[in-house]
Amino acid sequence: LGRGKYVLMGIYFILMLVIIHLCEGFKYGILKIADVL
């Protein structure tokens, strides 16, 4: 209920960062738009 909710946000942020990076989903302007999406 307290600061723990920000820990959950941080974990979610990191998970999303790692998995999208592994899927090459941050290559704006490099891959085609459909591939990035």
Full PDB file with SEQRES, HELIX, SHEET, SSBOND, CRYST1, ORIGX, SCALE, CONECT and MASTER records, all heavy atoms in Angstrom:
SEQRES   1 A   37  LEU GLY ARG GLY LYS TYR VAL LEU MET GLY ILE TYR PHE          
SEQRES   2 A   37  ILE LEU MET LEU VAL ILE ILE HIS LEU CYS GLU GLY PHE          
SEQRES   3 A   37  LYS TYR GLY ILE LEU LYS ILE ALA ASP VAL LEU                  
HELIX    1 AA1 GLY A    4  LEU A   22  1                                  19    
HELIX    2 AA2 ILE A   33  VAL A   36  1                                   4    
CRYST1    1.000    1.000    1.000  90.00  90.00  90.00 P 1           1          
ORIGX1      1.000000  0.000000  0.000000        0.00000                         
ORIGX2      0.000000  1.000000  0.000000        0.00000                         
ORIGX3      0.000000  0.000000  1.000000        0.00000                         
SCALE1      1.000000  0.000000  0.000000        0.00000                         
SCALE2      0.000000  1.000000  0.000000        0.00000                         
SCALE3      0.000000  0.000000  1.000000        0.00000                         
ATOM      1  N   LEU A   1       0.817  -1.206   0.000  1.00  0.00           N  
ATOM      2  CA  LEU A   1       0.000   0.000   0.000  1.00  0.00           C  
ATOM      3  C   LEU A   1       0.852   1.259   0.000  1.00  0.00           C  
ATOM      4  O   LEU A   1       0.498   2.274  -0.590  1.00  0.00           O  
ATOM      5  CB  LEU A   1      -0.922  -0.005   1.237  1.00  0.00           C  
ATOM      6  CG  LEU A   1      -1.896   1.173   1.367  1.00  0.00           C  
ATOM      7  CD1 LEU A   1      -2.846   1.189   0.176  1.00  0.00           C  
ATOM      8  CD2 LEU A   1      -2.688   1.078   2.664  1.00  0.00           C  
ATOM      9  N   GLY A   2       2.025   1.216   0.638  1.00  0.00           N  
ATOM     10  CA  GLY A   2       2.898   2.386   0.716  1.00  0.00           C  
ATOM     11  C   GLY A   2       3.859   2.456  -0.448  1.00  0.00           C  
ATOM     12  O   GLY A   2       3.459   2.445  -1.611  1.00  0.00           O  
ATOM     13  N   ARG A   3       5.153   2.481  -0.128  1.00  0.00           N  
ATOM     14  CA  ARG A   3       6.156   2.604  -1.181  1.00  0.00           C  
ATOM     15  C   ARG A   3       6.291   1.337  -2.021  1.00  0.00           C  
ATOM     16  O   ARG A   3       6.898   1.360  -3.086  1.00  0.00           O  
ATOM     17  CB  ARG A   3       7.503   2.960  -0.561  1.00  0.00           C  
ATOM     18  CG  ARG A   3       7.506   4.325   0.108  1.00  0.00           C  
ATOM     19  CD  ARG A   3       8.857   4.629   0.711  1.00  0.00           C  
ATOM     20  NE  ARG A   3       8.865   5.939   1.358  1.00  0.00           N  
ATOM     21  CZ  ARG A   3       9.903   6.441   2.012  1.00  0.00           C  
ATOM     22  NH1 ARG A   3      11.026   5.730   2.109  1.00  0.00           N  
ATOM     23  NH2 ARG A   3       9.827   7.626   2.572  1.00  0.00           N  
ATOM     24  N   GLY A   4       5.729   0.252  -1.541  1.00  0.00           N  
ATOM     25  CA  GLY A   4       5.801  -1.003  -2.277  1.00  0.00           C  
ATOM     26  C   GLY A   4       5.215  -0.898  -3.673  1.00  0.00           C  
ATOM     27  O   GLY A   4       5.671  -1.575  -4.599  1.00  0.00           O  
ATOM     28  N   LYS A   5       4.214  -0.031  -3.838  1.00  0.00           N  
ATOM     29  CA  LYS A   5       3.595   0.105  -5.164  1.00  0.00           C  
ATOM     30  C   LYS A   5       4.574   0.692  -6.174  1.00  0.00           C  
ATOM     31  O   LYS A   5       4.512   0.381  -7.363  1.00  0.00           O  
ATOM     32  CB  LYS A   5       2.343   0.975  -5.076  1.00  0.00           C  
ATOM     33  CG  LYS A   5       2.531   2.382  -4.530  1.00  0.00           C  
ATOM     34  CD  LYS A   5       1.196   3.116  -4.490  1.00  0.00           C  
ATOM     35  CE  LYS A   5       1.326   4.511  -3.886  1.00  0.00           C  
ATOM     36  NZ  LYS A   5       1.562   4.435  -2.422  1.00  0.00           N  
ATOM     37  N   TYR A   6       5.522   1.492  -5.699  1.00  0.00           N  
ATOM     38  CA  TYR A   6       6.525   2.043  -6.616  1.00  0.00           C  
ATOM     39  C   TYR A   6       7.567   0.981  -6.989  1.00  0.00           C  
ATOM     40  O   TYR A   6       8.130   1.009  -8.081  1.00  0.00           O  
ATOM     41  CB  TYR A   6       7.203   3.249  -5.977  1.00  0.00           C  
ATOM     42  CG  TYR A   6       6.226   4.352  -5.622  1.00  0.00           C  
ATOM     43  CD1 TYR A   6       6.043   4.756  -4.301  1.00  0.00           C  
ATOM     44  CD2 TYR A   6       5.452   4.965  -6.616  1.00  0.00           C  
ATOM     45  CE1 TYR A   6       5.135   5.747  -3.975  1.00  0.00           C  
ATOM     46  CE2 TYR A   6       4.539   5.964  -6.294  1.00  0.00           C  
ATOM     47  CZ  TYR A   6       4.381   6.344  -4.975  1.00  0.00           C  
ATOM     48  OH  TYR A   6       3.480   7.322  -4.658  1.00  0.00           O  
ATOM     49  N   VAL A   7       7.781   0.036  -6.061  1.00  0.00           N  
ATOM     50  CA  VAL A   7       8.659  -1.095  -6.374  1.00  0.00           C  
ATOM     51  C   VAL A   7       8.045  -1.918  -7.496  1.00  0.00           C  
ATOM     52  O   VAL A   7       8.726  -2.334  -8.439  1.00  0.00           O  
ATOM     53  CB  VAL A   7       8.886  -1.980  -5.127  1.00  0.00           C  
ATOM     54  CG1 VAL A   7       9.677  -3.233  -5.502  1.00  0.00           C  
ATOM     55  CG2 VAL A   7       9.620  -1.201  -4.043  1.00  0.00           C  
ATOM     56  N   LEU A   8       6.738  -2.142  -7.421  1.00  0.00           N  
ATOM     57  CA  LEU A   8       6.047  -2.893  -8.476  1.00  0.00           C  
ATOM     58  C   LEU A   8       6.139  -2.163  -9.809  1.00  0.00           C  
ATOM     59  O   LEU A   8       6.333  -2.791 -10.857  1.00  0.00           O  
ATOM     60  CB  LEU A   8       4.576  -3.102  -8.094  1.00  0.00           C  
ATOM     61  CG  LEU A   8       4.296  -4.072  -6.948  1.00  0.00           C  
ATOM     62  CD1 LEU A   8       2.805  -4.173  -6.690  1.00  0.00           C  
ATOM     63  CD2 LEU A   8       4.864  -5.449  -7.264  1.00  0.00           C  
ATOM     64  N   MET A   9       6.010  -0.855  -9.781  1.00  0.00           N  
ATOM     65  CA  MET A   9       6.159  -0.060 -11.008  1.00  0.00           C  
ATOM     66  C   MET A   9       7.556  -0.226 -11.594  1.00  0.00           C  
ATOM     67  O   MET A   9       7.723  -0.385 -12.810  1.00  0.00           O  
ATOM     68  CB  MET A   9       5.911   1.429 -10.726  1.00  0.00           C  
ATOM     69  CG  MET A   9       4.455   1.837 -10.626  1.00  0.00           C  
ATOM     70  SD  MET A   9       4.303   3.618 -10.339  1.00  0.00           S  
ATOM     71  CE  MET A   9       4.984   4.279 -11.855  1.00  0.00           C  
ATOM     72  N   GLY A  10       8.554  -0.190 -10.697  1.00  0.00           N  
ATOM     73  CA  GLY A  10       9.931  -0.328 -11.155  1.00  0.00           C  
ATOM     74  C   GLY A  10      10.194  -1.687 -11.774  1.00  0.00           C  
ATOM     75  O   GLY A  10      10.855  -1.794 -12.817  1.00  0.00           O  
ATOM     76  N   ILE A  11       9.663  -2.749 -11.130  1.00  0.00           N  
ATOM     77  CA  ILE A  11       9.834  -4.100 -11.674  1.00  0.00           C  
ATOM     78  C   ILE A  11       9.170  -4.203 -13.042  1.00  0.00           C  
ATOM     79  O   ILE A  11       9.737  -4.784 -13.984  1.00  0.00           O  
ATOM     80  CB  ILE A  11       9.246  -5.145 -10.701  1.00  0.00           C  
ATOM     81  CG1 ILE A  11      10.068  -5.184  -9.410  1.00  0.00           C  
ATOM     82  CG2 ILE A  11       9.197  -6.524 -11.354  1.00  0.00           C  
ATOM     83  CD1 ILE A  11       9.460  -6.050  -8.324  1.00  0.00           C  
ATOM     84  N   TYR A  12       7.995  -3.630 -13.164  1.00  0.00           N  
ATOM     85  CA  TYR A  12       7.268  -3.665 -14.442  1.00  0.00           C  
ATOM     86  C   TYR A  12       8.046  -2.907 -15.516  1.00  0.00           C  
ATOM     87  O   TYR A  12       8.171  -3.370 -16.654  1.00  0.00           O  
ATOM     88  CB  TYR A  12       5.885  -3.032 -14.253  1.00  0.00           C  
ATOM     89  CG  TYR A  12       4.964  -3.163 -15.447  1.00  0.00           C  
ATOM     90  CD1 TYR A  12       4.268  -4.345 -15.674  1.00  0.00           C  
ATOM     91  CD2 TYR A  12       4.792  -2.108 -16.338  1.00  0.00           C  
ATOM     92  CE1 TYR A  12       3.415  -4.469 -16.760  1.00  0.00           C  
ATOM     93  CE2 TYR A  12       3.948  -2.225 -17.425  1.00  0.00           C  
ATOM     94  CZ  TYR A  12       3.261  -3.406 -17.631  1.00  0.00           C  
ATOM     95  OH  TYR A  12       2.428  -3.529 -18.709  1.00  0.00           O  
ATOM     96  N   PHE A  13       8.601  -1.756 -15.149  1.00  0.00           N  
ATOM     97  CA  PHE A  13       9.394  -0.945 -16.075  1.00  0.00           C  
ATOM     98  C   PHE A  13      10.601  -1.736 -16.581  1.00  0.00           C  
ATOM     99  O   PHE A  13      10.880  -1.776 -17.781  1.00  0.00           O  
ATOM    100  CB  PHE A  13       9.852   0.334 -15.367  1.00  0.00           C  
ATOM    101  CG  PHE A  13      10.628   1.290 -16.242  1.00  0.00           C  
ATOM    102  CD1 PHE A  13      10.004   2.360 -16.847  1.00  0.00           C  
ATOM    103  CD2 PHE A  13      12.002   1.123 -16.432  1.00  0.00           C  
ATOM    104  CE1 PHE A  13      10.711   3.257 -17.641  1.00  0.00           C  
ATOM    105  CE2 PHE A  13      12.726   1.999 -17.227  1.00  0.00           C  
ATOM    106  CZ  PHE A  13      12.082   3.067 -17.830  1.00  0.00           C  
ATOM    107  N   ILE A  14      11.309  -2.393 -15.653  1.00  0.00           N  
ATOM    108  CA  ILE A  14      12.513  -3.143 -16.015  1.00  0.00           C  
ATOM    109  C   ILE A  14      12.170  -4.353 -16.891  1.00  0.00           C  
ATOM    110  O   ILE A  14      12.848  -4.635 -17.881  1.00  0.00           O  
ATOM    111  CB  ILE A  14      13.275  -3.586 -14.747  1.00  0.00           C  
ATOM    112  CG1 ILE A  14      13.836  -2.352 -14.023  1.00  0.00           C  
ATOM    113  CG2 ILE A  14      14.395  -4.555 -15.091  1.00  0.00           C  
ATOM    114  CD1 ILE A  14      14.411  -2.647 -12.653  1.00  0.00           C  
ATOM    115  N   LEU A  15      11.102  -5.066 -16.518  1.00  0.00           N  
ATOM    116  CA  LEU A  15      10.673  -6.212 -17.320  1.00  0.00           C  
ATOM    117  C   LEU A  15      10.350  -5.786 -18.749  1.00  0.00           C  
ATOM    118  O   LEU A  15      10.773  -6.422 -19.723  1.00  0.00           O  
ATOM    119  CB  LEU A  15       9.437  -6.864 -16.690  1.00  0.00           C  
ATOM    120  CG  LEU A  15       9.659  -7.995 -15.683  1.00  0.00           C  
ATOM    121  CD1 LEU A  15       8.324  -8.458 -15.118  1.00  0.00           C  
ATOM    122  CD2 LEU A  15      10.393  -9.159 -16.328  1.00  0.00           C  
ATOM    123  N   MET A  16       9.603  -4.694 -18.860  1.00  0.00           N  
ATOM    124  CA  MET A  16       9.219  -4.203 -20.185  1.00  0.00           C  
ATOM    125  C   MET A  16      10.455  -3.758 -20.966  1.00  0.00           C  
ATOM    126  O   MET A  16      10.573  -4.028 -22.167  1.00  0.00           O  
ATOM    127  CB  MET A  16       8.234  -3.041 -20.044  1.00  0.00           C  
ATOM    128  CG  MET A  16       7.441  -2.746 -21.303  1.00  0.00           C  
ATOM    129  SD  MET A  16       6.263  -4.025 -21.762  1.00  0.00           S  
ATOM    130  CE  MET A  16       4.893  -3.664 -20.659  1.00  0.00           C  
ATOM    131  N   LEU A  17      11.394  -3.120 -20.295  1.00  0.00           N  
ATOM    132  CA  LEU A  17      12.629  -2.665 -20.941  1.00  0.00           C  
ATOM    133  C   LEU A  17      13.416  -3.851 -21.503  1.00  0.00           C  
ATOM    134  O   LEU A  17      13.832  -3.839 -22.667  1.00  0.00           O  
ATOM    135  CB  LEU A  17      13.485  -1.898 -19.929  1.00  0.00           C  
ATOM    136  CG  LEU A  17      14.915  -1.541 -20.363  1.00  0.00           C  
ATOM    137  CD1 LEU A  17      14.880  -0.559 -21.527  1.00  0.00           C  
ATOM    138  CD2 LEU A  17      15.700  -0.951 -19.191  1.00  0.00           C  
ATOM    139  N   VAL A  18      13.595  -4.892 -20.677  1.00  0.00           N  
ATOM    140  CA  VAL A  18      14.405  -6.044 -21.086  1.00  0.00           C  
ATOM    141  C   VAL A  18      13.748  -6.801 -22.241  1.00  0.00           C  
ATOM    142  O   VAL A  18      14.399  -7.112 -23.247  1.00  0.00           O  
ATOM    143  CB  VAL A  18      14.645  -6.987 -19.890  1.00  0.00           C  
ATOM    144  CG1 VAL A  18      15.299  -8.284 -20.344  1.00  0.00           C  
ATOM    145  CG2 VAL A  18      15.511  -6.299 -18.840  1.00  0.00           C  
ATOM    146  N   ILE A  19      12.462  -7.099 -22.116  1.00  0.00           N  
ATOM    147  CA  ILE A  19      11.796  -7.928 -23.127  1.00  0.00           C  
ATOM    148  C   ILE A  19      11.634  -7.179 -24.449  1.00  0.00           C  
ATOM    149  O   ILE A  19      11.865  -7.742 -25.527  1.00  0.00           O  
ATOM    150  CB  ILE A  19      10.429  -8.423 -22.622  1.00  0.00           C  
ATOM    151  CG1 ILE A  19      10.595  -9.207 -21.324  1.00  0.00           C  
ATOM    152  CG2 ILE A  19       9.758  -9.302 -23.670  1.00  0.00           C  
ATOM    153  CD1 ILE A  19      11.489 -10.416 -21.448  1.00  0.00           C  
ATOM    154  N   ILE A  20      11.268  -5.891 -24.397  1.00  0.00           N  
ATOM    155  CA  ILE A  20      11.149  -5.134 -25.645  1.00  0.00           C  
ATOM    156  C   ILE A  20      12.510  -4.995 -26.308  1.00  0.00           C  
ATOM    157  O   ILE A  20      12.633  -5.090 -27.532  1.00  0.00           O  
ATOM    158  CB  ILE A  20      10.523  -3.739 -25.391  1.00  0.00           C  
ATOM    159  CG1 ILE A  20       9.070  -3.889 -24.947  1.00  0.00           C  
ATOM    160  CG2 ILE A  20      10.578  -2.889 -26.667  1.00  0.00           C  
ATOM    161  CD1 ILE A  20       8.359  -2.564 -24.708  1.00  0.00           C  
ATOM    162  N   HIS A  21      13.548  -4.793 -25.502  1.00  0.00           N  
ATOM    163  CA  HIS A  21      14.903  -4.705 -26.064  1.00  0.00           C  
ATOM    164  C   HIS A  21      15.304  -6.013 -26.744  1.00  0.00           C  
ATOM    165  O   HIS A  21      15.862  -6.004 -27.846  1.00  0.00           O  
ATOM    166  CB  HIS A  21      15.899  -4.362 -24.957  1.00  0.00           C  
ATOM    167  CG  HIS A  21      17.329  -4.358 -25.410  1.00  0.00           C  
ATOM    168  ND1 HIS A  21      17.847  -3.389 -26.245  1.00  0.00           N  
ATOM    169  CD2 HIS A  21      18.351  -5.239 -25.173  1.00  0.00           C  
ATOM    170  CE1 HIS A  21      19.115  -3.658 -26.497  1.00  0.00           C  
ATOM    171  NE2 HIS A  21      19.446  -4.778 -25.857  1.00  0.00           N  
ATOM    172  N   LEU A  22      15.013  -7.142 -26.100  1.00  0.00           N  
ATOM    173  CA  LEU A  22      15.347  -8.433 -26.686  1.00  0.00           C  
ATOM    174  C   LEU A  22      14.577  -8.678 -27.985  1.00  0.00           C  
ATOM    175  O   LEU A  22      15.081  -9.333 -28.896  1.00  0.00           O  
ATOM    176  CB  LEU A  22      15.051  -9.561 -25.689  1.00  0.00           C  
ATOM    177  CG  LEU A  22      15.999  -9.687 -24.496  1.00  0.00           C  
ATOM    178  CD1 LEU A  22      15.520 -10.766 -23.536  1.00  0.00           C  
ATOM    179  CD2 LEU A  22      17.417  -9.996 -24.954  1.00  0.00           C  
ATOM    180  N   CYS A  23      13.380  -8.143 -28.067  1.00  0.00           N  
ATOM    181  CA  CYS A  23      12.560  -8.301 -29.278  1.00  0.00           C  
ATOM    182  C   CYS A  23      12.893  -7.253 -30.347  1.00  0.00           C  
ATOM    183  O   CYS A  23      12.257  -7.225 -31.400  1.00  0.00           O  
ATOM    184  CB  CYS A  23      11.078  -8.188 -28.929  1.00  0.00           C  
ATOM    185  SG  CYS A  23      10.432  -9.583 -27.981  1.00  0.00           S  
ATOM    186  N   GLU A  24      13.873  -6.391 -30.067  1.00  0.00           N  
ATOM    187  CA  GLU A  24      14.279  -5.303 -30.967  1.00  0.00           C  
ATOM    188  C   GLU A  24      13.113  -4.348 -31.238  1.00  0.00           C  
ATOM    189  O   GLU A  24      12.903  -3.895 -32.351  1.00  0.00           O  
ATOM    190  CB  GLU A  24      14.836  -5.856 -32.288  1.00  0.00           C  
ATOM    191  CG  GLU A  24      16.122  -6.644 -32.114  1.00  0.00           C  
ATOM    192  CD  GLU A  24      16.836  -6.915 -33.425  1.00  0.00           C  
ATOM    193  OE1 GLU A  24      16.210  -6.789 -34.493  1.00  0.00           O  
ATOM    194  OE2 GLU A  24      18.047  -7.255 -33.373  1.00  0.00           O  
ATOM    195  N   GLY A  25      12.376  -4.046 -30.176  1.00  0.00           N  
ATOM    196  CA  GLY A  25      11.216  -3.178 -30.311  1.00  0.00           C  
ATOM    197  C   GLY A  25      11.499  -1.706 -30.117  1.00  0.00           C  
ATOM    198  O   GLY A  25      10.580  -0.886 -30.189  1.00  0.00           O  
ATOM    199  N   PHE A  26      12.760  -1.348 -29.859  1.00  0.00           N  
ATOM    200  CA  PHE A  26      13.113   0.059 -29.684  1.00  0.00           C  
ATOM    201  C   PHE A  26      13.836   0.632 -30.898  1.00  0.00           C  
ATOM    202  O   PHE A  26      14.372   1.738 -30.825  1.00  0.00           O  
ATOM    203  CB  PHE A  26      14.002   0.249 -28.448  1.00  0.00           C  
ATOM    204  CG  PHE A  26      13.293   0.021 -27.145  1.00  0.00           C  
ATOM    205  CD1 PHE A  26      13.847  -0.784 -26.166  1.00  0.00           C  
ATOM    206  CD2 PHE A  26      12.062   0.617 -26.894  1.00  0.00           C  
ATOM    207  CE1 PHE A  26      13.208  -0.989 -24.966  1.00  0.00           C  
ATOM    208  CE2 PHE A  26      11.403   0.417 -25.690  1.00  0.00           C  
ATOM    209  CZ  PHE A  26      11.969  -0.392 -24.727  1.00  0.00           C  
ATOM    210  N   LYS A  27      13.873  -0.082 -31.996  1.00  0.00           N  
ATOM    211  CA  LYS A  27      14.639   0.361 -33.158  1.00  0.00           C  
ATOM    212  C   LYS A  27      13.811   1.293 -34.038  1.00  0.00           C  
ATOM    213  O   LYS A  27      13.577   1.027 -35.214  1.00  0.00           O  
ATOM    214  CB  LYS A  27      15.164  -0.838 -33.939  1.00  0.00           C  
ATOM    215  CG  LYS A  27      16.193  -1.635 -33.137  1.00  0.00           C  
ATOM    216  CD  LYS A  27      17.045  -2.516 -34.002  1.00  0.00           C  
ATOM    217  CE  LYS A  27      18.213  -3.092 -33.224  1.00  0.00           C  
ATOM    218  NZ  LYS A  27      19.107  -3.922 -34.039  1.00  0.00           N  
ATOM    219  N   TYR A  28      13.391   2.421 -33.429  1.00  0.00           N  
ATOM    220  CA  TYR A  28      12.654   3.441 -34.173  1.00  0.00           C  
ATOM    221  C   TYR A  28      13.559   4.011 -35.262  1.00  0.00           C  
ATOM    222  O   TYR A  28      14.694   4.379 -35.010  1.00  0.00           O  
ATOM    223  CB  TYR A  28      12.209   4.581 -33.253  1.00  0.00           C  
ATOM    224  CG  TYR A  28      11.620   4.151 -31.931  1.00  0.00           C  
ATOM    225  CD1 TYR A  28      12.253   4.465 -30.734  1.00  0.00           C  
ATOM    226  CD2 TYR A  28      10.442   3.440 -31.873  1.00  0.00           C  
ATOM    227  CE1 TYR A  28      11.725   4.091 -29.516  1.00  0.00           C  
ATOM    228  CE2 TYR A  28       9.893   3.053 -30.652  1.00  0.00           C  
ATOM    229  CZ  TYR A  28      10.540   3.379 -29.483  1.00  0.00           C  
ATOM    230  OH  TYR A  28      10.012   2.996 -28.274  1.00  0.00           O  
ATOM    231  N   GLY A  29      13.050   4.077 -36.470  1.00  0.00           N  
ATOM    232  CA  GLY A  29      13.825   4.654 -37.550  1.00  0.00           C  
ATOM    233  C   GLY A  29      14.868   3.719 -38.127  1.00  0.00           C  
ATOM    234  O   GLY A  29      15.590   4.094 -39.039  1.00  0.00           O  
ATOM    235  N   ILE A  30      14.974   2.495 -37.609  1.00  0.00           N  
ATOM    236  CA  ILE A  30      15.920   1.512 -38.140  1.00  0.00           C  
ATOM    237  C   ILE A  30      15.160   0.387 -38.824  1.00  0.00           C  
ATOM    238  O   ILE A  30      15.328   0.140 -40.013  1.00  0.00           O  
ATOM    239  CB  ILE A  30      16.821   0.945 -37.023  1.00  0.00           C  
ATOM    240  CG1 ILE A  30      17.664   2.063 -36.402  1.00  0.00           C  
ATOM    241  CG2 ILE A  30      17.736  -0.148 -37.581  1.00  0.00           C  
ATOM    242  CD1 ILE A  30      18.524   1.599 -35.247  1.00  0.00           C  
ATOM    243  N   LEU A  31      14.313  -0.307 -38.042  1.00  0.00           N  
ATOM    244  CA  LEU A  31      13.452  -1.321 -38.638  1.00  0.00           C  
ATOM    245  C   LEU A  31      12.230  -0.659 -39.260  1.00  0.00           C  
ATOM    246  O   LEU A  31      11.977   0.533 -39.061  1.00  0.00           O  
ATOM    247  CB  LEU A  31      13.008  -2.326 -37.567  1.00  0.00           C  
ATOM    248  CG  LEU A  31      14.105  -3.141 -36.873  1.00  0.00           C  
ATOM    249  CD1 LEU A  31      13.473  -4.062 -35.837  1.00  0.00           C  
ATOM    250  CD2 LEU A  31      14.906  -3.947 -37.880  1.00  0.00           C  
ATOM    251  N   LYS A  32      11.455  -1.432 -39.981  1.00  0.00           N  
ATOM    252  CA  LYS A  32      10.206  -0.923 -40.525  1.00  0.00           C  
ATOM    253  C   LYS A  32       9.210  -0.751 -39.392  1.00  0.00           C  
ATOM    254  O   LYS A  32       9.257  -1.462 -38.390  1.00  0.00           O  
ATOM    255  CB  LYS A  32       9.663  -1.882 -41.589  1.00  0.00           C  
ATOM    256  CG  LYS A  32      10.562  -1.984 -42.824  1.00  0.00           C  
ATOM    257  CD  LYS A  32      10.003  -2.966 -43.835  1.00  0.00           C  
ATOM    258  CE  LYS A  32      10.914  -3.065 -45.063  1.00  0.00           C  
ATOM    259  NZ  LYS A  32      10.422  -4.045 -46.052  1.00  0.00           N  
ATOM    260  N   ILE A  33       8.287   0.167 -39.566  1.00  0.00           N  
ATOM    261  CA  ILE A  33       7.349   0.494 -38.490  1.00  0.00           C  
ATOM    262  C   ILE A  33       6.533  -0.723 -38.059  1.00  0.00           C  
ATOM    263  O   ILE A  33       6.279  -0.928 -36.868  1.00  0.00           O  
ATOM    264  CB  ILE A  33       6.431   1.672 -38.912  1.00  0.00           C  
ATOM    265  CG1 ILE A  33       5.588   2.140 -37.712  1.00  0.00           C  
ATOM    266  CG2 ILE A  33       5.563   1.295 -40.110  1.00  0.00           C  
ATOM    267  CD1 ILE A  33       4.855   3.432 -37.980  1.00  0.00           C  
ATOM    268  N   ALA A  34       6.134  -1.566 -39.025  1.00  0.00           N  
ATOM    269  CA  ALA A  34       5.341  -2.754 -38.688  1.00  0.00           C  
ATOM    270  C   ALA A  34       6.162  -3.732 -37.846  1.00  0.00           C  
ATOM    271  O   ALA A  34       5.630  -4.357 -36.919  1.00  0.00           O  
ATOM    272  CB  ALA A  34       4.852  -3.441 -39.962  1.00  0.00           C  
ATOM    273  N   ASP A  35       7.457  -3.866 -38.139  1.00  0.00           N  
ATOM    274  CA  ASP A  35       8.313  -4.774 -37.374  1.00  0.00           C  
ATOM    275  C   ASP A  35       8.486  -4.292 -35.942  1.00  0.00           C  
ATOM    276  O   ASP A  35       8.443  -5.080 -34.994  1.00  0.00           O  
ATOM    277  CB  ASP A  35       9.683  -4.904 -38.051  1.00  0.00           C  
ATOM    278  CG  ASP A  35       9.624  -5.694 -39.348  1.00  0.00           C  
ATOM    279  OD1 ASP A  35       8.681  -6.490 -39.503  1.00  0.00           O  
ATOM    280  OD2 ASP A  35      10.498  -5.507 -40.208  1.00  0.00           O  
ATOM    281  N   VAL A  36       8.697  -2.988 -35.766  1.00  0.00           N  
ATOM    282  CA  VAL A  36       8.852  -2.422 -34.426  1.00  0.00           C  
ATOM    283  C   VAL A  36       7.565  -2.592 -33.629  1.00  0.00           C  
ATOM    284  O   VAL A  36       7.581  -3.005 -32.464  1.00  0.00           O  
ATOM    285  CB  VAL A  36       9.237  -0.929 -34.501  1.00  0.00           C  
ATOM    286  CG1 VAL A  36       9.182  -0.287 -33.116  1.00  0.00           C  
ATOM    287  CG2 VAL A  36      10.632  -0.772 -35.094  1.00  0.00           C  
ATOM    288  N   LEU A  37       6.437  -2.295 -34.269  1.00  0.00           N  
ATOM    289  CA  LEU A  37       5.148  -2.370 -33.579  1.00  0.00           C  
ATOM    290  C   LEU A  37       4.833  -3.803 -33.170  1.00  0.00           C  
ATOM    291  O   LEU A  37       4.438  -4.062 -32.019  1.00  0.00           O  
ATOM    292  CB  LEU A  37       4.051  -1.832 -34.502  1.00  0.00           C  
ATOM    293  CG  LEU A  37       2.686  -1.545 -33.866  1.00  0.00           C  
ATOM    294  CD1 LEU A  37       2.840  -0.534 -32.745  1.00  0.00           C  
ATOM    295  CD2 LEU A  37       1.711  -1.030 -34.908  1.00  0.00           C  
TER     296      LEU A  37                                                      
MASTER        0    0    0    2    0    0    0    6  295    1    0    3          
END                                                                             
